[in-house]
PDB file of N, CA and C in Angstrom:
ATOM      1  N   MET A   1      32.821  56.958 -65.901  1.00  0.00           N
ATOM      2  CA  MET A   1      31.173  57.966 -66.626  1.00  0.00           C
ATOM      3  C   MET A   1      31.028  56.146 -67.504  1.00  0.00           C
ATOM      4  N   VAL A   2      31.752  55.437 -67.881  1.00  0.00           N
ATOM      5  CA  VAL A   2      31.264  53.313 -67.898  1.00  0.00           C
ATOM      6  C   VAL A   2      30.169  53.237 -67.276  1.00  0.00           C
ATOM      7  N   ILE A   3      30.914  53.402 -66.228  1.00  0.00           N
ATOM      8  CA  ILE A   3      30.473  52.214 -64.091  1.00  0.00           C
ATOM      9  C   ILE A   3      29.537  52.704 -64.750  1.00  0.00           C
ATOM     10  N   ALA A   4      29.207  53.920 -64.206  1.00  0.00           N
ATOM     11  CA  ALA A   4      27.413  54.450 -63.606  1.00  0.00           C
ATOM     12  C   ALA A   4      26.833  53.774 -64.681  1.00  0.00           C
ATOM     13  N   GLY A   5      27.336  53.844 -65.836  1.00  0.00           N
ATOM     14  CA  GLY A   5      25.996  53.633 -67.328  1.00  0.00           C
ATOM     15  C   GLY A   5      26.277  52.338 -67.039  1.00  0.00           C
ATOM     16  N   ALA A   6      26.986  50.884 -66.614  1.00  0.00           N
ATOM     17  CA  ALA A   6      26.885  50.312 -66.569  1.00  0.00           C
ATOM     18  C   ALA A   6      26.052  49.697 -65.671  1.00  0.00           C
ATOM     19  N   LEU A   7      25.863  49.946 -64.302  1.00  0.00           N
ATOM     20  CA  LEU A   7      25.320  50.844 -63.235  1.00  0.00           C
ATOM     21  C   LEU A   7      23.444  50.612 -63.250  1.00  0.00           C
ATOM     22  N   GLY A   8      24.136  51.403 -63.822  1.00  0.00           N
ATOM     23  CA  GLY A   8      21.777  52.353 -64.229  1.00  0.00           C
ATOM     24  C   GLY A   8      21.539  51.207 -64.770  1.00  0.00           C
ATOM     25  N   GLY A   9      21.789  50.367 -65.863  1.00  0.00           N
ATOM     26  CA  GLY A   9      21.903  49.755 -66.904  1.00  0.00           C
ATOM     27  C   GLY A   9      21.207  48.843 -66.473  1.00  0.00           C
ATOM     28  N   TYR A  10      21.625  48.004 -65.439  1.00  0.00           N
ATOM     29  CA  TYR A  10      21.676  47.206 -65.088  1.00  0.00           C
ATOM     30  C   TYR A  10      20.283  47.501 -63.550  1.00  0.00           C
ATOM     31  N   LEU A  11      20.601  48.704 -62.778  1.00  0.00           N
ATOM     32  CA  LEU A  11      19.204  49.032 -62.419  1.00  0.00           C
ATOM     33  C   LEU A  11      18.132  49.392 -63.155  1.00  0.00           C
ATOM     34  N   VAL A  12      17.920  49.425 -63.661  1.00  0.00           N
ATOM     35  CA  VAL A  12      16.969  49.802 -64.880  1.00  0.00           C
ATOM     36  C   VAL A  12      16.057  48.420 -65.043  1.00  0.00           C
ATOM     37  N   GLU A  13      17.298  47.164 -65.256  1.00  0.00           N
ATOM     38  CA  GLU A  13      16.483  46.851 -66.488  1.00  0.00           C
ATOM     39  C   GLU A  13      16.045  45.022 -65.471  1.00  0.00           C
ATOM     40  N   TYR A  14      16.927  45.225 -64.009  1.00  0.00           N
ATOM     41  CA  TYR A  14      16.471  44.427 -63.203  1.00  0.00           C
ATOM     42  C   TYR A  14      15.997  45.440 -61.878  1.00  0.00           C
ATOM     43  N   TRP A  15      16.033  46.336 -61.134  1.00  0.00           N
ATOM     44  CA  TRP A  15      15.297  46.405 -60.142  1.00  0.00           C
ATOM     45  C   TRP A  15      14.308  47.398 -60.173  1.00  0.00           C
ATOM     46  N   VAL A  16      13.857  48.633 -61.309  1.00  0.00           N
ATOM     47  CA  VAL A  16      13.380  49.425 -60.884  1.00  0.00           C
ATOM     48  C   VAL A  16      12.060  48.419 -61.775  1.00  0.00           C
ATOM     49  N   THR A  17      10.700  48.713 -61.308  1.00  0.00           N
ATOM     50  CA  THR A  17      10.149  48.165 -61.663  1.00  0.00           C
ATOM     51  C   THR A  17       8.595  48.298 -61.744  1.00  0.00           C
ATOM     52  N   SER A  18       8.571  49.644 -61.155  1.00  0.00           N
ATOM     53  CA  SER A  18       7.801  50.500 -60.960  1.00  0.00           C
ATOM     54  C   SER A  18       7.729  52.096 -60.019  1.00  0.00           C
ATOM     55  N   GLN A  19       6.525  53.035 -60.590  1.00  0.00           N
ATOM     56  CA  GLN A  19       7.496  54.098 -60.092  1.00  0.00           C
ATOM     57  C   GLN A  19       7.927  54.150 -58.255  1.00  0.00           C
ATOM     58  N   THR A  20       7.136  53.315 -58.215  1.00  0.00           N
ATOM     59  CA  THR A  20       7.432  53.554 -57.187  1.00  0.00           C
ATOM     60  C   THR A  20       8.184  52.951 -56.229  1.00  0.00           C
ATOM     61  N   THR A  21       8.856  51.876 -56.938  1.00  0.00           N
ATOM     62  CA  THR A  21      10.263  51.752 -57.200  1.00  0.00           C
ATOM     63  C   THR A  21      11.523  52.397 -57.029  1.00  0.00           C
ATOM     64  N   LEU A  22      11.249  53.008 -58.425  1.00  0.00           N
ATOM     65  CA  LEU A  22      11.923  54.342 -58.543  1.00  0.00           C
ATOM     66  C   LEU A  22      12.265  54.993 -57.910  1.00  0.00           C
ATOM     67  N   GLY A  23      10.919  55.858 -56.956  1.00  0.00           N
ATOM     68  CA  GLY A  23      11.076  56.620 -56.271  1.00  0.00           C
ATOM     69  C   GLY A  23      11.120  56.586 -54.639  1.00  0.00           C
ATOM     70  N   GLY A  24      11.051  55.018 -54.491  1.00  0.00           N
ATOM     71  CA  GLY A  24      11.759  54.270 -53.041  1.00  0.00           C
ATOM     72  C   GLY A  24      13.789  54.413 -53.525  1.00  0.00           C
ATOM     73  N   PHE A  25      14.376  53.822 -54.628  1.00  0.00           N
ATOM     74  CA  PHE A  25      15.817  54.163 -54.915  1.00  0.00           C
ATOM     75  C   PHE A  25      16.153  55.771 -54.811  1.00  0.00           C
ATOM     76  N   TYR A  26      15.268  56.755 -55.134  1.00  0.00           N
ATOM     77  CA  TYR A  26      15.738  58.379 -55.667  1.00  0.00           C
ATOM     78  C   TYR A  26      15.650  58.060 -53.294  1.00  0.00           C
ATOM     79  N   VAL A  27      15.109  57.876 -52.789  1.00  0.00           N
ATOM     80  CA  VAL A  27      14.871  58.857 -51.316  1.00  0.00           C
ATOM     81  C   VAL A  27      15.969  57.622 -50.720  1.00  0.00           C
ATOM     82  N   VAL A  28      16.425  56.677 -50.552  1.00  0.00           N
ATOM     83  CA  VAL A  28      17.329  56.104 -50.434  1.00  0.00           C
ATOM     84  C   VAL A  28      18.741  56.568 -50.383  1.00  0.00           C
ATOM     85  N   SER A  29      19.026  56.992 -51.754  1.00  0.00           N
ATOM     86  CA  SER A  29      19.832  57.694 -52.521  1.00  0.00           C
ATOM     87  C   SER A  29      19.935  58.863 -51.619  1.00  0.00           C
ATOM     88  N   ALA A  30      19.088  59.925 -51.978  1.00  0.00           N
ATOM     89  CA  ALA A  30      18.772  60.941 -51.208  1.00  0.00           C
ATOM     90  C   ALA A  30      19.691  60.977 -49.366  1.00  0.00           C
ATOM     91  N   LEU A  31      19.126  59.580 -48.589  1.00  0.00           N
ATOM     92  CA  LEU A  31      19.376  59.811 -47.373  1.00  0.00           C
ATOM     93  C   LEU A  31      20.782  59.044 -47.362  1.00  0.00           C
ATOM     94  N   LEU A  32      21.059  58.296 -48.361  1.00  0.00           N
ATOM     95  CA  LEU A  32      22.550  58.242 -47.886  1.00  0.00           C
ATOM     96  C   LEU A  32      23.925  58.904 -48.650  1.00  0.00           C
ATOM     97  N   MET A  33      23.733  60.288 -49.439  1.00  0.00           N
ATOM     98  CA  MET A  33      23.712  61.767 -49.607  1.00  0.00           C
ATOM     99  C   MET A  33      24.614  62.142 -48.589  1.00  0.00           C
ATOM    100  N   ALA A  34      22.425  62.511 -47.773  1.00  0.00           N
ATOM    101  CA  ALA A  34      22.978  63.672 -46.770  1.00  0.00           C
ATOM    102  C   ALA A  34      23.436  62.897 -46.019  1.00  0.00           C
ATOM    103  N   ALA A  35      23.656  61.153 -45.121  1.00  0.00           N
ATOM    104  CA  ALA A  35      24.535  61.219 -44.327  1.00  0.00           C
ATOM    105  C   ALA A  35      25.479  61.239 -44.608  1.00  0.00           C
ATOM    106  N   ASN A  36      26.205  61.038 -45.779  1.00  0.00           N
ATOM    107  CA  ASN A  36      27.129  61.523 -45.814  1.00  0.00           C
ATOM    108  C   ASN A  36      28.250  62.362 -45.204  1.00  0.00           C
ATOM    109  N   LEU A  37      27.650  63.944 -45.918  1.00  0.00           N
ATOM    110  CA  LEU A  37      27.329  64.901 -46.175  1.00  0.00           C
ATOM    111  C   LEU A  37      27.161  65.305 -44.526  1.00  0.00           C
ATOM    112  N   LEU A  38      26.295  64.844 -43.718  1.00  0.00           N
ATOM    113  CA  LEU A  38      26.512  65.070 -42.453  1.00  0.00           C
ATOM    114  C   LEU A  38      27.261  64.556 -41.589  1.00  0.00           C
ATOM    115  N   MET A  39      28.175  63.498 -41.973  1.00  0.00           N
ATOM    116  CA  MET A  39      29.647  62.541 -41.431  1.00  0.00           C
ATOM    117  C   MET A  39      30.502  63.679 -41.174  1.00  0.00           C
ATOM    118  N   SER A  40      30.019  64.180 -43.147  1.00  0.00           N
ATOM    119  CA  SER A  40      31.869  64.821 -43.370  1.00  0.00           C
ATOM    120  C   SER A  40      32.067  65.930 -42.408  1.00  0.00           C
ATOM    121  N   GLN A  41      30.649  66.993 -42.335  1.00  0.00           N
ATOM    122  CA  GLN A  41      31.026  68.140 -41.873  1.00  0.00           C
ATOM    123  C   GLN A  41      31.026  67.687 -40.076  1.00  0.00           C
ATOM    124  N   LEU A  42      30.473  66.889 -38.950  1.00  0.00           N
ATOM    125  CA  LEU A  42      30.618  66.274 -38.230  1.00  0.00           C
ATOM    126  C   LEU A  42      32.261  65.838 -37.936  1.00  0.00           C
ATOM    127  N   ARG A  43      32.418  65.574 -38.419  1.00  0.00           N
ATOM    128  CA  ARG A  43      33.842  64.957 -38.088  1.00  0.00           C
ATOM    129  C   ARG A  43      34.794  66.026 -38.963  1.00  0.00           C
ATOM    130  N   ARG A  44      34.615  66.901 -39.335  1.00  0.00           N
ATOM    131  CA  ARG A  44      35.254  68.378 -40.348  1.00  0.00           C
ATOM    132  C   ARG A  44      34.892  69.442 -38.917  1.00  0.00           C
ATOM    133  N   TYR A  45      33.969  69.703 -38.157  1.00  0.00           N
ATOM    134  CA  TYR A  45      34.393  70.648 -37.368  1.00  0.00           C
ATOM    135  C   TYR A  45      34.218  69.751 -35.659  1.00  0.00           C
ATOM    136  N   SER A  46      34.005  68.252 -34.791  1.00  0.00           N
ATOM    137  CA  SER A  46      34.644  67.822 -34.106  1.00  0.00           C
ATOM    138  C   SER A  46      35.894  67.614 -34.186  1.00  0.00           C
ATOM    139  N   VAL A  47      37.498  67.679 -34.868  1.00  0.00           N
ATOM    140  CA  VAL A  47      38.764  67.832 -35.114  1.00  0.00           C
ATOM    141  C   VAL A  47      38.692  68.642 -34.785  1.00  0.00           C
ATOM    142  N   THR A  48      38.809  69.674 -35.375  1.00  0.00           N
ATOM    143  CA  THR A  48      39.096  71.000 -34.857  1.00  0.00           C
ATOM    144  C   THR A  48      38.322  71.665 -33.308  1.00  0.00           C
ATOM    145  N   GLY A  49      37.245  71.582 -33.258  1.00  0.00           N
ATOM    146  CA  GLY A  49      36.793  72.646 -32.444  1.00  0.00           C
ATOM    147  C   GLY A  49      35.800  73.795 -32.802  1.00  0.00           C
ATOM    148  N   SER A  50      35.740  74.755 -33.755  1.00  0.00           N
ATOM    149  CA  SER A  50      35.567  75.655 -34.153  1.00  0.00           C
ATOM    150  C   SER A  50      35.927  75.507 -35.498  1.00  0.00           C
ATOM    151  N   VAL A  51      35.093  76.857 -35.906  1.00  0.00           N
ATOM    152  CA  VAL A  51      35.614  77.296 -37.146  1.00  0.00           C
ATOM    153  C   VAL A  51      36.260  78.060 -37.531  1.00  0.00           C
ATOM    154  N   ASP A  52      38.087  77.723 -38.625  1.00  0.00           N
ATOM    155  CA  ASP A  52      38.514  78.785 -38.916  1.00  0.00           C
ATOM    156  C   ASP A  52      38.730  79.413 -39.322  1.00  0.00           C
ATOM    157  N   ALA A  53      39.824  81.153 -39.274  1.00  0.00           N
ATOM    158  CA  ALA A  53      39.062  81.019 -40.431  1.00  0.00           C
ATOM    159  C   ALA A  53      39.152  81.014 -41.924  1.00  0.00           C
ATOM    160  N   SER A  54      39.733  80.046 -42.574  1.00  0.00           N
ATOM    161  CA  SER A  54      39.909  79.262 -43.463  1.00  0.00           C
ATOM    162  C   SER A  54      38.503  78.749 -43.950  1.00  0.00           C
ATOM    163  N   ASP A  55      38.090  78.069 -43.015  1.00  0.00           N
ATOM    164  CA  ASP A  55      36.149  77.615 -43.800  1.00  0.00           C
ATOM    165  C   ASP A  55      35.564  78.882 -43.599  1.00  0.00           C
ATOM    166  N   THR A  56      35.735  79.598 -43.311  1.00  0.00           N
ATOM    167  CA  THR A  56      34.874  80.746 -43.855  1.00  0.00           C
ATOM    168  C   THR A  56      34.785  81.396 -45.153  1.00  0.00           C
ATOM    169  N   ILE A  57      33.857  82.021 -45.620  1.00  0.00           N
ATOM    170  CA  ILE A  57      34.041  82.875 -47.486  1.00  0.00           C
ATOM    171  C   ILE A  57      34.519  84.296 -46.958  1.00  0.00           C
ATOM    172  N   GLU A  58      35.263  84.792 -47.629  1.00  0.00           N
ATOM    173  CA  GLU A  58      35.229  86.252 -47.215  1.00  0.00           C
ATOM    174  C   GLU A  58      35.120  86.777 -48.524  1.00  0.00           C
ATOM    175  N   ARG A  59      34.366  88.127 -48.666  1.00  0.00           N
ATOM    176  CA  ARG A  59      33.966  89.073 -49.560  1.00  0.00           C
ATOM    177  C   ARG A  59      34.983  90.762 -49.569  1.00  0.00           C
TER     178      ARG A  59
END
């Protein structure tokens, strides 16, 4: 939490100079998170080749 606060303070002080810059940061951040999620899912299913019973939610 302390590291996130320090980096957030640095970001606001030096990088964010307008709303457009802040929006660009959020878009880049969202794209990086989406790419990370996609890669983890591709790696997860490429190793097994199929969906296991443990990968599903049963009710």
